[in-house]
Structures are given as structure tokens and as C-alpha cells.
Amino acid sequence: MKTDVSFDSEAESDDSESETIVSMEEEPKQHIDNLSIIKSIFNILSTILKQNEKLPNYKEILKEQKNICFNSYSIPDISLYEYLIRIQKYSLIEKNTLISALVYIDRLCKKSNIVLTYYNIHRIIFAAVLISIKFNEDGFFDNEYYGQIAGIKKSELKIIEYNFFCMCDFNVFISEESFEKYSKCLNNTYEKHYGKKSNSNSNSKIVEL
């Protein structure tokens, strides 16, 4: 990951509509079991964002990344934590999918020159979640629905998803050892911030796809 912080310790939008979070008519029941995982992911990513913001060449990085598909024209109004909660609430994803999404984000940063910033984190998170859903769950909605959740137009979402996939070398396989490592990281993060262990451990093995 292009930052001092690691998990082990197409153009900018010209349409404000793509940055608007669309309200959903129905409100599916929140999966409370995933809340501790969401909190841990939020704390990990927030730490990285704050560390990256202190990089001496941060302004240059923002300019270099200005036109990548993950970059928003402005920092989204919705907070990172609220965005994660929204994704969980309306996509009804499982614990393994959330953990896998974190693995994919780390993989993206390690295989590319992308640095996580407040301008790209929302889209990167959603791309990771979307890929994780499609490769780790038996069923999923169409991209038009996911675009409403993300606040991203369907055409843009397709580009973001494809580019994320390409930058990860089309590799969505996660070994059991790697999965457990990230699960442990999430548990440790939750315990550090909230004083108790989360329930991110899973007996389910992620198989090669």
C-alpha cells in the first residue's frame, strides 16, 4: 500500500448527480452482527487516510490522481462510517464479504500507484464491496440497484468496477491463511478501540474461484 500505514501494523465527475446518495424506499433490516466489522474497517481506513494526508507530497498525489475513475470531483458529503453502514444496510452482505473487500482494497493499493485519499475512498470501498459480493455470495442485485446505494451512475459504476478488477490483476482468490490474517487484524482493531473482541472470525473457507 502506498502509505506508511499498512494493514499489518475515468475522469473526475462533471455531474453532481453521480455524487448524490439516492434515498431508498425500503429499509432492509440491519445485520447487527456485521457492525463490529464495519467499525473496525472504518478505523483502519481512517487511520490510513489521516497518515496519507500527512505525506509531504500529498498535494502532488491529489493532482496525479485527479483524473482516475475512483476520484470524486469533491469529497462526498456522507461520512466514511455512514457510507459503510449504508452499504451494509441496503446490500445485505455477509461478514466474509466485508472482510474480503478489505483484502481487495489492500491488494489494489499494493499492486497500483493509488494512494487512498478522502477523494477516492468512497468509490474504492464500493468497488471492492461490489467485486466481493459477486465473487463470494450466491446471489446479488444488478448494478443499477448498487449504483443507487453508492450514489454513482450505473455507467460510472461499471467503469470503476472493471478498473478495480484490472488493477488487482483479475485476482479475487483469497487464501484461508490470508483471510484469517485480515480477520485477526479486524478483531485486534475492534478490541483496541472498543475494549472487546469482534465476531469477525468465520469457519467458512474462501475457495478459489
Protein backbone atom coordinates (compact mmCIF):
# COMPACT_ATOMS: atom_id res chain seq x y z
CA MET A 1 0.00 0.00 0.00
CA LYS A 2 1.39 3.36 -0.96
CA THR A 3 1.48 4.72 2.56
CA ASP A 4 3.40 4.45 5.80
CA VAL A 5 0.42 2.61 7.29
CA SER A 6 -0.37 -0.97 6.31
CA PHE A 7 -2.96 -3.50 7.44
CA ASP A 8 -0.20 -5.45 9.10
CA SER A 9 0.51 -2.84 11.92
CA GLU A 10 -12.42 7.65 -15.61
CA ALA A 11 -12.11 11.32 -15.20
CA GLU A 12 -13.33 13.48 -12.39
CA SER A 13 -17.12 13.73 -12.31
CA ASP A 14 -18.67 16.64 -14.16
CA ASP A 15 -22.13 15.83 -12.92
CA SER A 16 -23.10 16.31 -9.29
CA GLU A 17 -25.72 13.61 -9.73
CA SER A 18 -23.03 10.96 -9.59
CA GLU A 19 -22.09 12.08 -6.09
CA THR A 20 -25.63 12.15 -4.77
CA ILE A 21 -26.73 9.42 -2.40
CA VAL A 22 -30.14 8.27 -3.56
CA SER A 23 -32.60 7.57 -0.76
CA MET A 24 -34.05 4.08 -0.79
CA GLU A 25 -37.79 3.48 -0.44
CA GLU A 26 -37.44 0.36 1.65
CA GLU A 27 -35.17 -0.13 4.64
CA PRO A 28 -33.96 -3.72 4.99
CA LYS A 29 -33.11 -4.89 8.49
CA GLN A 30 -29.56 -4.05 9.58
CA HIS A 31 -27.26 -7.04 10.05
CA ILE A 32 -26.10 -6.14 13.55
CA ASP A 33 -23.51 -8.96 13.55
CA ASN A 34 -21.53 -7.01 10.96
CA LEU A 35 -21.44 -3.74 12.89
CA SER A 36 -18.19 -4.55 14.70
CA ILE A 37 -16.54 -5.39 11.38
CA ILE A 38 -17.73 -2.13 9.87
CA LYS A 39 -16.37 -0.20 12.84
CA SER A 40 -13.00 -1.94 12.51
CA ILE A 41 -12.80 -1.30 8.76
CA PHE A 42 -13.70 2.33 9.38
CA ASN A 43 -10.95 2.72 11.99
CA ILE A 44 -8.33 1.05 9.79
CA LEU A 45 -9.15 3.12 6.71
CA SER A 46 -9.48 6.34 8.72
CA THR A 47 -6.00 5.79 10.14
CA ILE A 48 -4.58 5.28 6.65
CA LEU A 49 -6.36 8.37 5.30
CA LYS A 50 -5.03 10.54 8.12
CA GLN A 51 -1.49 9.20 7.66
CA ASN A 52 -1.62 9.72 3.89
CA GLU A 53 -2.85 13.27 4.37
CA LYS A 54 0.40 13.99 6.25
CA LEU A 55 2.61 12.75 3.41
CA PRO A 56 4.95 15.56 2.25
CA ASN A 57 3.87 15.09 -1.37
CA TYR A 58 0.15 14.78 -0.61
CA LYS A 59 -0.83 17.75 -2.81
CA GLU A 60 1.10 16.28 -5.72
CA ILE A 61 -0.61 12.94 -5.16
CA LEU A 62 -4.03 14.60 -5.33
CA LYS A 63 -3.09 16.23 -8.64
CA GLU A 64 -1.75 12.98 -10.08
CA GLN A 65 -4.88 11.07 -9.10
CA LYS A 66 -7.31 13.80 -10.14
CA ASN A 67 -8.43 12.04 -13.31
CA ILE A 68 -8.59 8.41 -12.21
CA CYS A 69 -12.01 6.82 -12.23
CA PHE A 70 -12.07 6.37 -8.44
CA ASN A 71 -11.62 10.07 -7.78
CA SER A 72 -14.62 12.25 -6.94
CA TYR A 73 -14.78 15.87 -8.03
CA SER A 74 -15.21 16.82 -4.38
CA ILE A 75 -15.16 14.99 -1.06
CA PRO A 76 -18.59 13.31 -0.67
CA ASP A 77 -20.88 14.78 1.99
CA ILE A 78 -21.60 11.39 3.51
CA SER A 79 -19.01 10.32 6.07
CA LEU A 80 -16.97 7.17 5.58
CA TYR A 81 -18.65 5.43 8.52
CA GLU A 82 -22.16 6.37 7.33
CA TYR A 83 -21.25 5.14 3.87
CA LEU A 84 -20.14 1.75 5.18
CA ILE A 85 -23.34 1.47 7.22
CA ARG A 86 -25.39 2.37 4.14
CA ILE A 87 -23.65 -0.25 2.01
CA GLN A 88 -24.29 -2.93 4.63
CA LYS A 89 -27.87 -1.85 5.22
CA TYR A 90 -29.05 -1.99 1.61
CA SER A 91 -26.82 -4.65 0.07
CA LEU A 92 -27.36 -7.17 2.90
CA ILE A 93 -23.85 -8.55 2.60
CA GLU A 94 -22.29 -11.24 4.76
CA LYS A 95 -19.34 -10.96 7.14
CA ASN A 96 -16.99 -12.80 4.80
CA THR A 97 -17.82 -10.36 2.02
CA LEU A 98 -16.89 -7.35 4.16
CA ILE A 99 -13.60 -8.93 5.20
CA SER A 100 -12.82 -9.89 1.60
CA ALA A 101 -13.50 -6.31 0.48
CA LEU A 102 -10.80 -5.10 2.88
CA VAL A 103 -8.39 -7.64 1.40
CA TYR A 104 -9.17 -6.36 -2.10
CA ILE A 105 -8.59 -2.73 -1.10
CA ASP A 106 -5.19 -3.62 0.30
CA ARG A 107 -4.42 -5.65 -2.81
CA LEU A 108 -5.38 -2.72 -5.06
CA CYS A 109 -3.04 -0.35 -3.22
CA LYS A 110 -0.15 -2.82 -3.26
CA LYS A 111 -0.46 -3.57 -6.98
CA SER A 112 -1.03 0.01 -8.18
CA ASN A 113 0.21 3.52 -7.52
CA ILE A 114 -3.08 4.55 -5.95
CA VAL A 115 -2.92 6.31 -2.60
CA LEU A 116 -6.09 6.31 -0.51
CA THR A 117 -7.48 9.83 -0.05
CA TYR A 118 -10.75 11.41 1.03
CA TYR A 119 -11.49 11.94 -2.68
CA ASN A 120 -11.28 8.29 -3.75
CA ILE A 121 -12.00 6.19 -0.66
CA HIS A 122 -15.79 6.01 -1.14
CA ARG A 123 -15.60 4.71 -4.69
CA ILE A 124 -12.74 2.35 -3.91
CA ILE A 125 -14.67 0.89 -0.99
CA PHE A 126 -17.76 0.35 -3.07
CA ALA A 127 -15.84 -1.22 -5.96
CA ALA A 128 -14.19 -3.61 -3.51
CA VAL A 129 -17.51 -4.50 -1.91
CA LEU A 130 -19.20 -4.99 -5.28
CA ILE A 131 -16.48 -7.34 -6.53
CA SER A 132 -16.52 -9.16 -3.20
CA ILE A 133 -20.28 -9.62 -3.41
CA LYS A 134 -20.14 -11.02 -6.94
CA PHE A 135 -17.34 -13.47 -6.21
CA ASN A 136 -18.21 -14.56 -2.68
CA GLU A 137 -22.00 -14.64 -2.46
CA ASP A 138 -24.53 -16.88 -4.16
CA GLY A 139 -26.85 -14.08 -5.23
CA PHE A 140 -26.72 -10.34 -5.81
CA PHE A 141 -28.66 -7.41 -7.26
CA ASP A 142 -27.98 -5.66 -10.58
CA ASN A 143 -25.63 -2.70 -10.98
CA GLU A 144 -28.47 -0.23 -11.29
CA TYR A 145 -29.54 -1.03 -7.73
CA TYR A 146 -25.97 -0.94 -6.43
CA GLY A 147 -25.49 2.40 -8.16
CA GLN A 148 -28.37 3.82 -6.13
CA ILE A 149 -26.72 2.58 -2.95
CA ALA A 150 -23.35 4.03 -3.93
CA GLY A 151 -24.64 7.31 -5.31
CA ILE A 152 -22.88 6.52 -8.60
CA LYS A 153 -24.41 6.34 -12.06
CA LYS A 154 -24.64 2.83 -13.50
CA SER A 155 -22.29 3.66 -16.38
CA GLU A 156 -19.64 5.01 -14.00
CA LEU A 157 -20.01 2.08 -11.63
CA LYS A 158 -19.24 -0.34 -14.45
CA ILE A 159 -16.02 1.56 -15.22
CA ILE A 160 -15.00 1.71 -11.56
CA GLU A 161 -15.65 -1.99 -11.04
CA TYR A 162 -13.75 -3.00 -14.17
CA ASN A 163 -10.73 -0.80 -13.41
CA PHE A 164 -10.54 -2.08 -9.84
CA PHE A 165 -10.64 -5.64 -11.15
CA CYS A 166 -7.90 -4.92 -13.70
CA MET A 167 -5.65 -3.20 -11.15
CA CYS A 168 -5.88 -6.29 -8.96
CA ASP A 169 -4.65 -8.37 -11.93
CA PHE A 170 -8.09 -10.04 -12.07
CA ASN A 171 -7.14 -11.92 -8.92
CA VAL A 172 -10.05 -12.41 -6.49
CA PHE A 173 -8.72 -15.53 -4.79
CA ILE A 174 -8.07 -15.20 -1.06
CA SER A 175 -6.26 -18.00 0.73
CA GLU A 176 -7.57 -19.23 4.05
CA GLU A 177 -4.36 -18.05 5.72
CA SER A 178 -4.68 -14.55 4.28
CA PHE A 179 -8.36 -14.37 5.19
CA GLU A 180 -7.61 -15.31 8.79
CA LYS A 181 -4.84 -12.71 8.95
CA TYR A 182 -7.23 -9.93 7.98
CA SER A 183 -9.89 -11.28 10.31
CA LYS A 184 -7.39 -11.15 13.15
CA CYS A 185 -6.45 -7.60 12.18
CA LEU A 186 -10.11 -6.58 12.37
CA ASN A 187 -10.51 -8.28 15.75
CA ASN A 188 -7.43 -6.55 17.12
CA THR A 189 -8.61 -3.19 15.82
CA TYR A 190 -12.03 -3.60 17.39
CA GLU A 191 -10.53 -4.70 20.70
CA LYS A 192 -8.15 -1.72 20.68
CA HIS A 193 -10.89 0.86 20.07
CA TYR A 194 -13.85 -0.72 21.86
CA GLY A 195 -12.26 -2.92 24.53
CA LYS A 196 -13.65 -6.25 23.36
CA LYS A 197 -13.26 -8.70 20.52
CA SER A 198 -15.50 -8.55 17.48
CA ASN A 199 -17.19 -11.53 15.89
CA SER A 200 -15.29 -11.36 12.60
CA ASN A 201 -13.90 -14.89 12.82
CA SER A 202 -15.55 -17.31 10.47
CA ASN A 203 -15.33 -21.05 9.93
CA SER A 204 -16.20 -20.58 6.25
CA LYS A 205 -13.28 -21.13 3.90
CA ILE A 206 -13.00 -18.85 0.89
CA VAL A 207 -12.49 -21.19 -2.02
CA GLU A 208 -10.67 -20.43 -5.25
CA LEU A 209 -12.95 -19.02 -7.92
